[in-house]
PDB file of N, CA and C in Angstrom:
ATOM      1  N   MET A   1      98.284  59.481  69.353  1.00  0.00           N
ATOM      2  CA  MET A   1      98.166  60.914  69.182  1.00  0.00           C
ATOM      3  C   MET A   1      98.053  61.564  70.553  1.00  0.00           C
ATOM      4  N   PRO A   2      99.065  62.295  70.990  1.00  0.00           N
ATOM      5  CA  PRO A   2      98.970  62.989  72.271  1.00  0.00           C
ATOM      6  C   PRO A   2      97.888  64.075  72.240  1.00  0.00           C
ATOM      7  N   VAL A   3      97.196  64.187  73.352  1.00  0.00           N
ATOM      8  CA  VAL A   3      96.225  65.254  73.551  1.00  0.00           C
ATOM      9  C   VAL A   3      96.742  66.088  74.711  1.00  0.00           C
ATOM     10  N   VAL A   4      96.853  67.382  74.495  1.00  0.00           N
ATOM     11  CA  VAL A   4      97.418  68.290  75.483  1.00  0.00           C
ATOM     12  C   VAL A   4      96.307  69.182  76.030  1.00  0.00           C
ATOM     13  N   ILE A   5      96.171  69.212  77.344  1.00  0.00           N
ATOM     14  CA  ILE A   5      95.216  70.107  78.003  1.00  0.00           C
ATOM     15  C   ILE A   5      96.032  71.248  78.612  1.00  0.00           C
ATOM     16  N   VAL A   6      95.716  72.471  78.215  1.00  0.00           N
ATOM     17  CA  VAL A   6      96.439  73.651  78.699  1.00  0.00           C
ATOM     18  C   VAL A   6      95.477  74.487  79.533  1.00  0.00           C
ATOM     19  N   THR A   7      95.801  74.635  80.808  1.00  0.00           N
ATOM     20  CA  THR A   7      94.997  75.470  81.697  1.00  0.00           C
ATOM     21  C   THR A   7      95.763  76.766  81.928  1.00  0.00           C
ATOM     22  N   ALA A   8      95.107  77.871  81.570  1.00  0.00           N
ATOM     23  CA  ALA A   8      95.736  79.189  81.698  1.00  0.00           C
ATOM     24  C   ALA A   8      94.629  80.235  81.783  1.00  0.00           C
ATOM     25  N   ALA A   9      95.003  81.417  82.245  1.00  0.00           N
ATOM     26  CA  ALA A   9      94.044  82.520  82.258  1.00  0.00           C
ATOM     27  C   ALA A   9      93.631  82.846  80.826  1.00  0.00           C
ATOM     28  N   GLU A  10      92.380  83.270  80.663  1.00  0.00           N
ATOM     29  CA  GLU A  10      91.913  83.642  79.328  1.00  0.00           C
ATOM     30  C   GLU A  10      92.757  84.789  78.789  1.00  0.00           C
ATOM     31  N   HIS A  11      93.022  84.718  77.489  1.00  0.00           N
ATOM     32  CA  HIS A  11      93.818  85.750  76.832  1.00  0.00           C
ATOM     33  C   HIS A  11      93.394  85.800  75.370  1.00  0.00           C
ATOM     34  N   PRO A  12      93.368  86.984  74.756  1.00  0.00           N
ATOM     35  CA  PRO A  12      92.974  87.065  73.347  1.00  0.00           C
ATOM     36  C   PRO A  12      93.849  86.219  72.414  1.00  0.00           C
ATOM     37  N   ALA A  13      95.086  85.963  72.807  1.00  0.00           N
ATOM     38  CA  ALA A  13      95.990  85.154  71.980  1.00  0.00           C
ATOM     39  C   ALA A  13      96.113  83.731  72.525  1.00  0.00           C
ATOM     40  N   GLY A  14      95.075  83.257  73.197  1.00  0.00           N
ATOM     41  CA  GLY A  14      95.106  81.915  73.772  1.00  0.00           C
ATOM     42  C   GLY A  14      95.282  80.823  72.725  1.00  0.00           C
ATOM     43  N   VAL A  15      94.728  81.017  71.543  1.00  0.00           N
ATOM     44  CA  VAL A  15      94.888  80.016  70.480  1.00  0.00           C
ATOM     45  C   VAL A  15      96.350  79.936  70.046  1.00  0.00           C
ATOM     46  N   ASP A  16      97.061  81.048  70.087  1.00  0.00           N
ATOM     47  CA  ASP A  16      98.496  81.034  69.780  1.00  0.00           C
ATOM     48  C   ASP A  16      99.261  80.203  70.809  1.00  0.00           C
ATOM     49  N   LEU A  17      98.854  80.305  72.066  1.00  0.00           N
ATOM     50  CA  LEU A  17      99.472  79.499  73.126  1.00  0.00           C
ATOM     51  C   LEU A  17      99.268  78.015  72.840  1.00  0.00           C
ATOM     52  N   LEU A  18      98.035  77.639  72.528  1.00  0.00           N
ATOM     53  CA  LEU A  18      97.728  76.237  72.237  1.00  0.00           C
ATOM     54  C   LEU A  18      98.510  75.731  71.033  1.00  0.00           C
ATOM     55  N   GLY A  19      98.524  76.517  69.964  1.00  0.00           N
ATOM     56  CA  GLY A  19      99.242  76.110  68.750  1.00  0.00           C
ATOM     57  C   GLY A  19     100.735  75.980  68.981  1.00  0.00           C
ATOM     58  N   GLY A  20     101.298  76.915  69.728  1.00  0.00           N
ATOM     59  CA  GLY A  20     102.730  76.868  70.009  1.00  0.00           C
ATOM     60  C   GLY A  20     103.112  75.646  70.825  1.00  0.00           C
ATOM     61  N   ILE A  21     102.278  75.315  71.809  1.00  0.00           N
ATOM     62  CA  ILE A  21     102.555  74.134  72.632  1.00  0.00           C
ATOM     63  C   ILE A  21     102.370  72.864  71.810  1.00  0.00           C
ATOM     64  N   ALA A  22     101.310  72.788  71.019  1.00  0.00           N
ATOM     65  CA  ALA A  22     101.083  71.603  70.179  1.00  0.00           C
ATOM     66  C   ALA A  22     102.247  71.400  69.211  1.00  0.00           C
ATOM     67  N   ASP A  23     102.700  72.475  68.583  1.00  0.00           N
ATOM     68  CA  ASP A  23     103.825  72.375  67.644  1.00  0.00           C
ATOM     69  C   ASP A  23     105.104  71.941  68.361  1.00  0.00           C
ATOM     70  N   ALA A  24     105.339  72.490  69.557  1.00  0.00           N
ATOM     71  CA  ALA A  24     106.550  72.153  70.306  1.00  0.00           C
ATOM     72  C   ALA A  24     106.555  70.691  70.743  1.00  0.00           C
ATOM     73  N   VAL A  25     105.417  70.202  71.205  1.00  0.00           N
ATOM     74  CA  VAL A  25     105.321  68.803  71.620  1.00  0.00           C
ATOM     75  C   VAL A  25     105.507  67.893  70.411  1.00  0.00           C
ATOM     76  N   ALA A  26     104.870  68.240  69.290  1.00  0.00           N
ATOM     77  CA  ALA A  26     105.013  67.432  68.075  1.00  0.00           C
ATOM     78  C   ALA A  26     106.473  67.371  67.637  1.00  0.00           C
ATOM     79  N   ALA A  27     107.148  68.501  67.640  1.00  0.00           N
ATOM     80  CA  ALA A  27     108.555  68.533  67.217  1.00  0.00           C
ATOM     81  C   ALA A  27     109.419  67.687  68.155  1.00  0.00           C
ATOM     82  N   ALA A  28     109.177  67.808  69.455  1.00  0.00           N
ATOM     83  CA  ALA A  28     109.977  67.056  70.430  1.00  0.00           C
ATOM     84  C   ALA A  28     109.792  65.550  70.274  1.00  0.00           C
ATOM     85  N   LEU A  29     108.611  65.142  69.827  1.00  0.00           N
ATOM     86  CA  LEU A  29     108.317  63.716  69.684  1.00  0.00           C
ATOM     87  C   LEU A  29     108.534  63.202  68.258  1.00  0.00           C
ATOM     88  N   GLY A  30     108.959  64.091  67.356  1.00  0.00           N
ATOM     89  CA  GLY A  30     109.165  63.687  65.975  1.00  0.00           C
ATOM     90  C   GLY A  30     107.863  63.405  65.243  1.00  0.00           C
ATOM     91  N   LEU A  31     106.797  64.096  65.624  1.00  0.00           N
ATOM     92  CA  LEU A  31     105.492  63.915  65.004  1.00  0.00           C
ATOM     93  C   LEU A  31     105.238  65.026  63.991  1.00  0.00           C
ATOM     94  N   GLY A  32     104.269  64.819  63.122  1.00  0.00           N
ATOM     95  CA  GLY A  32     103.993  65.788  62.065  1.00  0.00           C
ATOM     96  C   GLY A  32     102.760  66.627  62.328  1.00  0.00           C
ATOM     97  N   ASP A  33     102.393  67.380  61.306  1.00  0.00           N
ATOM     98  CA  ASP A  33     101.197  68.224  61.378  1.00  0.00           C
ATOM     99  C   ASP A  33      99.972  67.365  61.665  1.00  0.00           C
ATOM    100  N   GLY A  34      99.139  67.826  62.570  1.00  0.00           N
ATOM    101  CA  GLY A  34      97.910  67.129  62.907  1.00  0.00           C
ATOM    102  C   GLY A  34      98.074  65.966  63.863  1.00  0.00           C
ATOM    103  N   ASP A  35      99.292  65.722  64.351  1.00  0.00           N
ATOM    104  CA  ASP A  35      99.531  64.572  65.225  1.00  0.00           C
ATOM    105  C   ASP A  35      99.413  64.882  66.714  1.00  0.00           C
ATOM    106  N   VAL A  36      99.257  66.142  67.078  1.00  0.00           N
ATOM    107  CA  VAL A  36      99.083  66.537  68.482  1.00  0.00           C
ATOM    108  C   VAL A  36      97.897  67.492  68.551  1.00  0.00           C
ATOM    109  N   ILE A  37      97.015  67.248  69.486  1.00  0.00           N
ATOM    110  CA  ILE A  37      95.842  68.106  69.691  1.00  0.00           C
ATOM    111  C   ILE A  37      96.030  68.856  71.004  1.00  0.00           C
ATOM    112  N   ALA A  38      95.778  70.167  70.996  1.00  0.00           N
ATOM    113  CA  ALA A  38      95.834  70.962  72.225  1.00  0.00           C
ATOM    114  C   ALA A  38      94.466  71.568  72.487  1.00  0.00           C
ATOM    115  N   VAL A  39      94.026  71.450  73.725  1.00  0.00           N
ATOM    116  CA  VAL A  39      92.722  71.944  74.149  1.00  0.00           C
ATOM    117  C   VAL A  39      92.946  72.929  75.286  1.00  0.00           C
ATOM    118  N   GLY A  40      92.288  74.072  75.219  1.00  0.00           N
ATOM    119  CA  GLY A  40      92.427  75.073  76.265  1.00  0.00           C
ATOM    120  C   GLY A  40      91.344  74.952  77.328  1.00  0.00           C
ATOM    121  N   ALA A  41      91.734  75.128  78.572  1.00  0.00           N
ATOM    122  CA  ALA A  41      90.804  75.162  79.701  1.00  0.00           C
ATOM    123  C   ALA A  41      91.091  76.445  80.466  1.00  0.00           C
ATOM    124  N   ALA A  42      90.187  77.401  80.367  1.00  0.00           N
ATOM    125  CA  ALA A  42      90.415  78.704  80.984  1.00  0.00           C
ATOM    126  C   ALA A  42      90.344  78.619  82.505  1.00  0.00           C
ATOM    127  N   ALA A  43      91.333  79.196  83.159  1.00  0.00           N
ATOM    128  CA  ALA A  43      91.355  79.276  84.620  1.00  0.00           C
ATOM    129  C   ALA A  43      90.600  80.531  85.039  1.00  0.00           C
ATOM    130  N   ALA A  44      89.574  80.359  85.850  1.00  0.00           N
ATOM    131  CA  ALA A  44      88.765  81.495  86.278  1.00  0.00           C
ATOM    132  C   ALA A  44      89.525  82.411  87.234  1.00  0.00           C
ATOM    133  N   ALA A  45      90.394  81.833  88.065  1.00  0.00           N
ATOM    134  CA  ALA A  45      91.144  82.620  89.041  1.00  0.00           C
ATOM    135  C   ALA A  45      92.321  81.797  89.539  1.00  0.00           C
ATOM    136  N   VAL A  46      93.300  82.501  90.103  1.00  0.00           N
ATOM    137  CA  VAL A  46      94.464  81.838  90.691  1.00  0.00           C
ATOM    138  C   VAL A  46      94.690  82.436  92.078  1.00  0.00           C
ATOM    139  N   ALA A  47      94.944  81.587  93.054  1.00  0.00           N
ATOM    140  CA  ALA A  47      95.277  82.030  94.401  1.00  0.00           C
ATOM    141  C   ALA A  47      96.408  81.152  94.911  1.00  0.00           C
ATOM    142  N   VAL A  48      97.215  81.704  95.794  1.00  0.00           N
ATOM    143  CA  VAL A  48      98.342  80.972  96.367  1.00  0.00           C
ATOM    144  C   VAL A  48      98.181  80.954  97.880  1.00  0.00           C
ATOM    145  N   SER A  49      98.482  79.822  98.489  1.00  0.00           N
ATOM    146  CA  SER A  49      98.350  79.720  99.942  1.00  0.00           C
ATOM    147  C   SER A  49      99.156  80.820 100.624  1.00  0.00           C
ATOM    148  N   GLY A  50      98.533  81.468 101.583  1.00  0.00           N
ATOM    149  CA  GLY A  50      99.197  82.523 102.337  1.00  0.00           C
ATOM    150  C   GLY A  50      99.224  83.876 101.645  1.00  0.00           C
ATOM    151  N   ARG A  51      98.924  83.901 100.335  1.00  0.00           N
ATOM    152  CA  ARG A  51      98.954  85.180  99.614  1.00  0.00           C
ATOM    153  C   ARG A  51      97.604  85.534  99.011  1.00  0.00           C
ATOM    154  N   GLY A  52      96.765  84.564  98.811  1.00  0.00           N
ATOM    155  CA  GLY A  52      95.450  84.827  98.239  1.00  0.00           C
ATOM    156  C   GLY A  52      95.513  85.070  96.746  1.00  0.00           C
ATOM    157  N   PRO A  53      94.560  85.853  96.226  1.00  0.00           N
ATOM    158  CA  PRO A  53      94.484  86.081  94.778  1.00  0.00           C
ATOM    159  C   PRO A  53      95.591  86.984  94.267  1.00  0.00           C
ATOM    160  N   GLY A  54      95.685  87.076  92.967  1.00  0.00           N
ATOM    161  CA  GLY A  54      96.673  87.950  92.351  1.00  0.00           C
ATOM    162  C   GLY A  54      98.072  87.393  92.421  1.00  0.00           C
ATOM    163  N   ALA A  55      98.194  86.081  92.329  1.00  0.00           N
ATOM    164  CA  ALA A  55      99.478  85.428  92.514  1.00  0.00           C
ATOM    165  C   ALA A  55     100.308  85.349  91.238  1.00  0.00           C
ATOM    166  N   GLY A  56      99.844  85.909  90.155  1.00  0.00           N
ATOM    167  CA  GLY A  56     100.565  85.804  88.897  1.00  0.00           C
ATOM    168  C   GLY A  56     100.007  84.680  88.045  1.00  0.00           C
ATOM    169  N   ASP A  57     100.368  84.671  86.788  1.00  0.00           N
ATOM    170  CA  ASP A  57      99.847  83.685  85.859  1.00  0.00           C
ATOM    171  C   ASP A  57     100.647  82.388  85.908  1.00  0.00           C
ATOM    172  N   TRP A  58      99.940  81.298  86.054  1.00  0.00           N
ATOM    173  CA  TRP A  58     100.509  79.955  85.978  1.00  0.00           C
ATOM    174  C   TRP A  58      99.873  79.265  84.791  1.00  0.00           C
ATOM    175  N   ILE A  59     100.648  78.486  84.083  1.00  0.00           N
ATOM    176  CA  ILE A  59     100.138  77.690  82.974  1.00  0.00           C
ATOM    177  C   ILE A  59     100.388  76.231  83.335  1.00  0.00           C
ATOM    178  N   VAL A  60      99.337  75.422  83.266  1.00  0.00           N
ATOM    179  CA  VAL A  60      99.432  73.999  83.563  1.00  0.00           C
ATOM    180  C   VAL A  60      99.228  73.235  82.257  1.00  0.00           C
ATOM    181  N   VAL A  61     100.202  72.388  81.921  1.00  0.00           N
ATOM    182  CA  VAL A  61     100.163  71.619  80.674  1.00  0.00           C
ATOM    183  C   VAL A  61     100.149  70.136  81.024  1.00  0.00           C
ATOM    184  N   SER A  62      99.045  69.478  80.706  1.00  0.00           N
ATOM    185  CA  SER A  62      98.910  68.039  80.931  1.00  0.00           C
ATOM    186  C   SER A  62      98.910  67.354  79.570  1.00  0.00           C
ATOM    187  N   ILE A  63      99.916  66.528  79.335  1.00  0.00           N
ATOM    188  CA  ILE A  63     100.036  65.825  78.063  1.00  0.00           C
ATOM    189  C   ILE A  63      99.545  64.398  78.278  1.00  0.00           C
ATOM    190  N   HIS A  64      98.492  64.032  77.582  1.00  0.00           N
ATOM    191  CA  HIS A  64      97.920  62.691  77.679  1.00  0.00           C
ATOM    192  C   HIS A  64      98.408  61.897  76.474  1.00  0.00           C
ATOM    193  N   GLY A  65      99.140  60.822  76.736  1.00  0.00           N
ATOM    194  CA  GLY A  65      99.652  60.029  75.625  1.00  0.00           C
ATOM    195  C   GLY A  65     100.206  58.703  76.082  1.00  0.00           C
ATOM    196  N   SER A  66     100.411  57.831  75.117  1.00  0.00           N
ATOM    197  CA  SER A  66     100.937  56.505  75.427  1.00  0.00           C
ATOM    198  C   SER A  66     102.396  56.608  75.880  1.00  0.00           C
ATOM    199  N   ASP A  67     102.887  55.521  76.423  1.00  0.00           N
ATOM    200  CA  ASP A  67     104.271  55.473  76.909  1.00  0.00           C
ATOM    201  C   ASP A  67     105.235  55.599  75.738  1.00  0.00           C
ATOM    202  N   ARG A  68     106.055  56.620  75.759  1.00  0.00           N
ATOM    203  CA  ARG A  68     107.059  56.846  74.714  1.00  0.00           C
ATOM    204  C   ARG A  68     108.467  56.809  75.282  1.00  0.00           C
ATOM    205  N   GLY A  69     108.587  56.425  76.539  1.00  0.00           N
ATOM    206  CA  GLY A  69     109.890  56.370  77.181  1.00  0.00           C
ATOM    207  C   GLY A  69     110.194  57.662  77.911  1.00  0.00           C
ATOM    208  N   ALA A  70     111.084  57.564  78.887  1.00  0.00           N
ATOM    209  CA  ALA A  70     111.403  58.710  79.747  1.00  0.00           C
ATOM    210  C   ALA A  70     112.031  59.866  78.984  1.00  0.00           C
ATOM    211  N   ASP A  71     112.945  59.568  78.066  1.00  0.00           N
ATOM    212  CA  ASP A  71     113.619  60.654  77.342  1.00  0.00           C
ATOM    213  C   ASP A  71     112.646  61.451  76.485  1.00  0.00           C
ATOM    214  N   ALA A  72     111.763  60.758  75.764  1.00  0.00           N
ATOM    215  CA  ALA A  72     110.808  61.444  74.887  1.00  0.00           C
ATOM    216  C   ALA A  72     109.794  62.249  75.689  1.00  0.00           C
ATOM    217  N   THR A  73     109.292  61.685  76.780  1.00  0.00           N
ATOM    218  CA  THR A  73     108.303  62.419  77.554  1.00  0.00           C
ATOM    219  C   THR A  73     108.942  63.623  78.254  1.00  0.00           C
ATOM    220  N   ARG A  74     110.170  63.465  78.696  1.00  0.00           N
ATOM    221  CA  ARG A  74     110.888  64.592  79.308  1.00  0.00           C
ATOM    222  C   ARG A  74     111.108  65.697  78.268  1.00  0.00           C
ATOM    223  N   ALA A  75     111.483  65.320  77.050  1.00  0.00           N
ATOM    224  CA  ALA A  75     111.703  66.306  75.980  1.00  0.00           C
ATOM    225  C   ALA A  75     110.406  67.018  75.621  1.00  0.00           C
ATOM    226  N   ALA A  76     109.308  66.285  75.566  1.00  0.00           N
ATOM    227  CA  ALA A  76     108.015  66.894  75.238  1.00  0.00           C
ATOM    228  C   ALA A  76     107.582  67.867  76.327  1.00  0.00           C
ATOM    229  N   ARG A  77     107.778  67.486  77.586  1.00  0.00           N
ATOM    230  CA  ARG A  77     107.424  68.375  78.691  1.00  0.00           C
ATOM    231  C   ARG A  77     108.278  69.643  78.671  1.00  0.00           C
ATOM    232  N   ALA A  78     109.570  69.493  78.420  1.00  0.00           N
ATOM    233  CA  ALA A  78     110.459  70.660  78.365  1.00  0.00           C
ATOM    234  C   ALA A  78     110.083  71.570  77.204  1.00  0.00           C
ATOM    235  N   ALA A  79     109.734  70.985  76.067  1.00  0.00           N
ATOM    236  CA  ALA A  79     109.342  71.778  74.897  1.00  0.00           C
ATOM    237  C   ALA A  79     108.054  72.546  75.181  1.00  0.00           C
ATOM    238  N   ALA A  80     107.097  71.902  75.845  1.00  0.00           N
ATOM    239  CA  ALA A  80     105.848  72.570  76.193  1.00  0.00           C
ATOM    240  C   ALA A  80     106.098  73.726  77.163  1.00  0.00           C
ATOM    241  N   GLU A  81     106.948  73.494  78.140  1.00  0.00           N
ATOM    242  CA  GLU A  81     107.273  74.543  79.107  1.00  0.00           C
ATOM    243  C   GLU A  81     107.931  75.742  78.421  1.00  0.00           C
ATOM    244  N   SER A  82     108.867  75.467  77.542  1.00  0.00           N
ATOM    245  CA  SER A  82     109.557  76.527  76.818  1.00  0.00           C
ATOM    246  C   SER A  82     108.593  77.303  75.925  1.00  0.00           C
ATOM    247  N   ALA A  83     107.705  76.583  75.225  1.00  0.00           N
ATOM    248  CA  ALA A  83     106.733  77.246  74.347  1.00  0.00           C
ATOM    249  C   ALA A  83     105.802  78.150  75.142  1.00  0.00           C
ATOM    250  N   ALA A  84     105.371  77.698  76.325  1.00  0.00           N
ATOM    251  CA  ALA A  84     104.494  78.516  77.159  1.00  0.00           C
ATOM    252  C   ALA A  84     105.219  79.765  77.653  1.00  0.00           C
ATOM    253  N   ALA A  85     106.453  79.620  78.081  1.00  0.00           N
ATOM    254  CA  ALA A  85     107.231  80.778  78.547  1.00  0.00           C
ATOM    255  C   ALA A  85     107.489  81.757  77.403  1.00  0.00           C
ATOM    256  N   ASP A  86     107.826  81.238  76.229  1.00  0.00           N
ATOM    257  CA  ASP A  86     108.045  82.107  75.065  1.00  0.00           C
ATOM    258  C   ASP A  86     106.776  82.868  74.700  1.00  0.00           C
ATOM    259  N   TRP A  87     105.630  82.182  74.750  1.00  0.00           N
ATOM    260  CA  TRP A  87     104.351  82.829  74.470  1.00  0.00           C
ATOM    261  C   TRP A  87     104.120  83.978  75.451  1.00  0.00           C
ATOM    262  N   GLY A  88     104.372  83.729  76.727  1.00  0.00           N
ATOM    263  CA  GLY A  88     104.188  84.776  77.724  1.00  0.00           C
ATOM    264  C   GLY A  88     105.042  85.998  77.440  1.00  0.00           C
ATOM    265  N   MET A  89     106.309  85.763  77.096  1.00  0.00           N
ATOM    266  CA  MET A  89     107.203  86.895  76.802  1.00  0.00           C
ATOM    267  C   MET A  89     106.741  87.653  75.564  1.00  0.00           C
ATOM    268  N   SER A  90     106.294  86.947  74.539  1.00  0.00           N
ATOM    269  CA  SER A  90     105.910  87.628  73.295  1.00  0.00           C
ATOM    270  C   SER A  90     104.542  88.297  73.389  1.00  0.00           C
ATOM    271  N   HIS A  91     103.757  87.966  74.411  1.00  0.00           N
ATOM    272  CA  HIS A  91     102.441  88.592  74.581  1.00  0.00           C
ATOM    273  C   HIS A  91     102.360  89.428  75.856  1.00  0.00           C
ATOM    274  N   ASP A  92     103.514  89.757  76.425  1.00  0.00           N
ATOM    275  CA  ASP A  92     103.598  90.609  77.610  1.00  0.00           C
ATOM    276  C   ASP A  92     102.751  90.070  78.766  1.00  0.00           C
ATOM    277  N   VAL A  93     102.818  88.742  78.955  1.00  0.00           N
ATOM    278  CA  VAL A  93     102.125  88.087  80.060  1.00  0.00           C
ATOM    279  C   VAL A  93     103.187  87.621  81.049  1.00  0.00           C
ATOM    280  N   ALA A  94     103.067  88.061  82.285  1.00  0.00           N
ATOM    281  CA  ALA A  94     104.025  87.669  83.311  1.00  0.00           C
ATOM    282  C   ALA A  94     103.693  86.257  83.788  1.00  0.00           C
ATOM    283  N   VAL A  95     104.313  85.281  83.169  1.00  0.00           N
ATOM    284  CA  VAL A  95     104.084  83.880  83.549  1.00  0.00           C
ATOM    285  C   VAL A  95     104.966  83.571  84.745  1.00  0.00           C
ATOM    286  N   GLU A  96     104.331  83.329  85.874  1.00  0.00           N
ATOM    287  CA  GLU A  96     105.087  83.054  87.091  1.00  0.00           C
ATOM    288  C   GLU A  96     105.663  81.644  87.074  1.00  0.00           C
ATOM    289  N   GLY A  97     104.949  80.730  86.421  1.00  0.00           N
ATOM    290  CA  GLY A  97     105.437  79.364  86.347  1.00  0.00           C
ATOM    291  C   GLY A  97     104.652  78.544  85.349  1.00  0.00           C
ATOM    292  N   VAL A  98     105.274  77.444  84.920  1.00  0.00           N
ATOM    293  CA  VAL A  98     104.630  76.488  84.021  1.00  0.00           C
ATOM    294  C   VAL A  98     104.793  75.109  84.649  1.00  0.00           C
ATOM    295  N   TRP A  99     103.693  74.413  84.802  1.00  0.00           N
ATOM    296  CA  TRP A  99     103.717  73.052  85.338  1.00  0.00           C
ATOM    297  C   TRP A  99     103.387  72.117  84.188  1.00  0.00           C
ATOM    298  N   THR A 100     104.226  71.109  83.972  1.00  0.00           N
ATOM    299  CA  THR A 100     103.952  70.138  82.919  1.00  0.00           C
ATOM    300  C   THR A 100     103.914  68.742  83.513  1.00  0.00           C
ATOM    301  N   GLU A 101     103.111  67.892  82.894  1.00  0.00           N
ATOM    302  CA  GLU A 101     103.045  66.496  83.304  1.00  0.00           C
ATOM    303  C   GLU A 101     102.687  65.643  82.101  1.00  0.00           C
ATOM    304  N   TRP A 102     103.116  64.383  82.134  1.00  0.00           N
ATOM    305  CA  TRP A 102     102.771  63.404  81.104  1.00  0.00           C
ATOM    306  C   TRP A 102     101.873  62.369  81.772  1.00  0.00           C
ATOM    307  N   ILE A 103     100.693  62.183  81.218  1.00  0.00           N
ATOM    308  CA  ILE A 103      99.725  61.270  81.812  1.00  0.00           C
ATOM    309  C   ILE A 103      99.452  60.138  80.818  1.00  0.00           C
ATOM    310  N   PRO A 104      99.915  58.926  81.148  1.00  0.00           N
ATOM    311  CA  PRO A 104      99.639  57.779  80.275  1.00  0.00           C
ATOM    312  C   PRO A 104      98.197  57.308  80.475  1.00  0.00           C
ATOM    313  N   PRO A 105      97.650  56.613  79.496  1.00  0.00           N
ATOM    314  CA  PRO A 105      96.281  56.123  79.654  1.00  0.00           C
ATOM    315  C   PRO A 105      96.191  55.045  80.728  1.00  0.00           C
ATOM    316  N   GLU A 106      95.049  54.956  81.345  1.00  0.00           N
ATOM    317  CA  GLU A 106      94.790  53.893  82.304  1.00  0.00           C
ATOM    318  C   GLU A 106      94.684  52.569  81.550  1.00  0.00           C
ATOM    319  N   PRO A 107      95.177  51.494  82.125  1.00  0.00           N
ATOM    320  CA  PRO A 107      95.021  50.209  81.443  1.00  0.00           C
ATOM    321  C   PRO A 107      93.548  49.804  81.346  1.00  0.00           C
ATOM    322  N   THR A 108      93.190  49.244  80.243  1.00  0.00           N
ATOM    323  CA  THR A 108      91.813  48.762  80.086  1.00  0.00           C
ATOM    324  C   THR A 108      91.855  47.243  80.192  1.00  0.00           C
ATOM    325  N   TRP A 109      91.504  46.755  81.321  1.00  0.00           N
ATOM    326  CA  TRP A 109      91.597  45.317  81.594  1.00  0.00           C
ATOM    327  C   TRP A 109      90.510  44.597  80.915  1.00  0.00           C
TER     328      TRP A 109
END
């Protein structure tokens, strides 16, 4: 079961962002309802080197899950990125960028 951590600025429709990303990742991986969990982590502030604060909204999506192969993980990351961008457009949030990553579990020796 993939667990998705979404870091973004607080927003009244933040749960919609989480649900949209969870649904998109599940669809990309061929999973069903309840098979992907998304957790929100509110970003207190954003700053960019050389520009300081007010750099625009960035959404960081970290997908924690077992190895599903390069094609599946790439599809899940792309789906999450698209869902985050779509959410921004539908909620009038200027999303400057979306960063996605797939993080496999550490081996337990």
